[in-house]
């Protein structure tokens, strides 16, 4: 019984670790502007998409938060 539990825990750790390692490769940022408030925000689209969907994308896919900040400054966002 103990051996089976250890094997199950090891398998779960491998699966969890591979999912965690794969997710940062798809992470990207965008500068968005909410239609209702006209406030800009840097959003990590690798984690989730904004909700509700009343926003406009002001930038393309950006690799780092710093790149997104620079894009927001170029777009003259009001933070």
Protein backbone atom coordinates (compact mmCIF):
# COMPACT_ATOMS: atom_id res chain seq x y z
CA UNK A 1 0.00 0.00 0.00
CA UNK A 2 2.80 2.42 0.86
CA UNK A 3 4.63 1.66 -2.38
CA UNK A 4 1.48 2.38 -4.41
CA UNK A 5 0.96 5.69 -2.59
CA UNK A 6 4.56 6.72 -3.22
CA UNK A 7 4.27 5.82 -6.90
CA UNK A 8 1.02 7.78 -7.22
CA UNK A 9 2.57 10.82 -5.54
CA UNK A 10 5.62 10.64 -7.82
CA UNK A 11 3.42 10.41 -10.92
CA UNK A 12 1.34 13.37 -9.76
CA UNK A 13 4.50 15.40 -9.14
CA UNK A 14 5.79 14.64 -12.64
CA UNK A 15 2.51 15.63 -14.29
CA UNK A 16 2.18 18.77 -12.18
CA UNK A 17 5.78 19.74 -12.84
CA UNK A 18 5.43 19.32 -16.58
CA UNK A 19 2.29 21.47 -16.65
CA UNK A 20 4.02 24.18 -14.63
CA UNK A 21 7.10 24.10 -16.85
CA UNK A 22 5.02 24.34 -20.04
CA UNK A 23 2.89 27.31 -19.01
CA UNK A 24 5.52 30.11 -18.91
CA UNK A 25 6.40 29.49 -22.56
CA UNK A 26 2.92 30.63 -23.56
CA UNK A 27 2.74 33.64 -21.26
CA UNK A 28 2.42 37.02 -22.92
CA UNK A 29 1.24 40.48 -22.02
CA UNK A 30 -0.98 43.00 -23.78
CA UNK A 31 -1.97 46.55 -23.03
CA UNK A 32 -5.75 46.79 -22.91
CA UNK A 33 -8.17 49.67 -22.39
CA UNK A 34 -11.52 49.17 -20.70
CA UNK A 35 -14.34 50.68 -22.75
CA UNK A 36 -16.46 51.70 -19.76
CA UNK A 37 -13.77 53.45 -17.70
CA UNK A 38 -11.18 54.29 -20.40
CA UNK A 39 -8.46 53.02 -18.03
CA UNK A 40 -5.51 51.11 -19.46
CA UNK A 41 -4.14 47.98 -17.89
CA UNK A 42 -1.35 45.51 -18.56
CA UNK A 43 -2.89 42.05 -18.71
CA UNK A 44 -1.09 38.71 -18.58
CA UNK A 45 -2.93 36.70 -21.24
CA UNK A 46 -0.86 33.63 -20.33
CA UNK A 47 -2.82 33.38 -17.09
CA UNK A 48 -6.33 34.43 -18.13
CA UNK A 49 -8.31 36.65 -20.44
CA UNK A 50 -9.98 39.80 -19.11
CA UNK A 51 -13.58 39.58 -18.05
CA UNK A 52 -15.96 41.11 -18.94
CA UNK A 53 -14.99 41.44 -22.57
CA UNK A 54 -15.57 45.20 -22.81
CA UNK A 55 -11.96 46.06 -23.61
CA UNK A 56 -9.84 47.07 -26.60
CA UNK A 57 -6.37 45.62 -27.23
CA UNK A 58 -3.86 48.43 -27.63
CA UNK A 59 -0.81 46.26 -28.22
CA UNK A 60 0.21 43.00 -29.76
CA UNK A 61 1.70 40.09 -27.83
CA UNK A 62 4.59 41.25 -25.67
CA UNK A 63 7.07 38.98 -23.89
CA UNK A 64 7.72 41.00 -20.73
CA UNK A 65 5.82 43.31 -18.43
CA UNK A 66 8.44 46.00 -19.11
CA UNK A 67 7.73 45.80 -22.84
CA UNK A 68 4.03 46.18 -22.09
CA UNK A 69 4.70 49.21 -19.88
CA UNK A 70 6.67 50.86 -22.71
CA UNK A 71 3.84 50.09 -25.18
CA UNK A 72 1.34 51.64 -22.78
CA UNK A 73 3.43 54.80 -22.52
CA UNK A 74 3.56 55.01 -26.33
CA UNK A 75 -0.23 54.61 -26.46
CA UNK A 76 -0.48 57.48 -23.94
CA UNK A 77 -2.45 55.42 -21.49
CA UNK A 78 -3.82 56.91 -18.36
CA UNK A 79 -2.80 54.47 -15.66
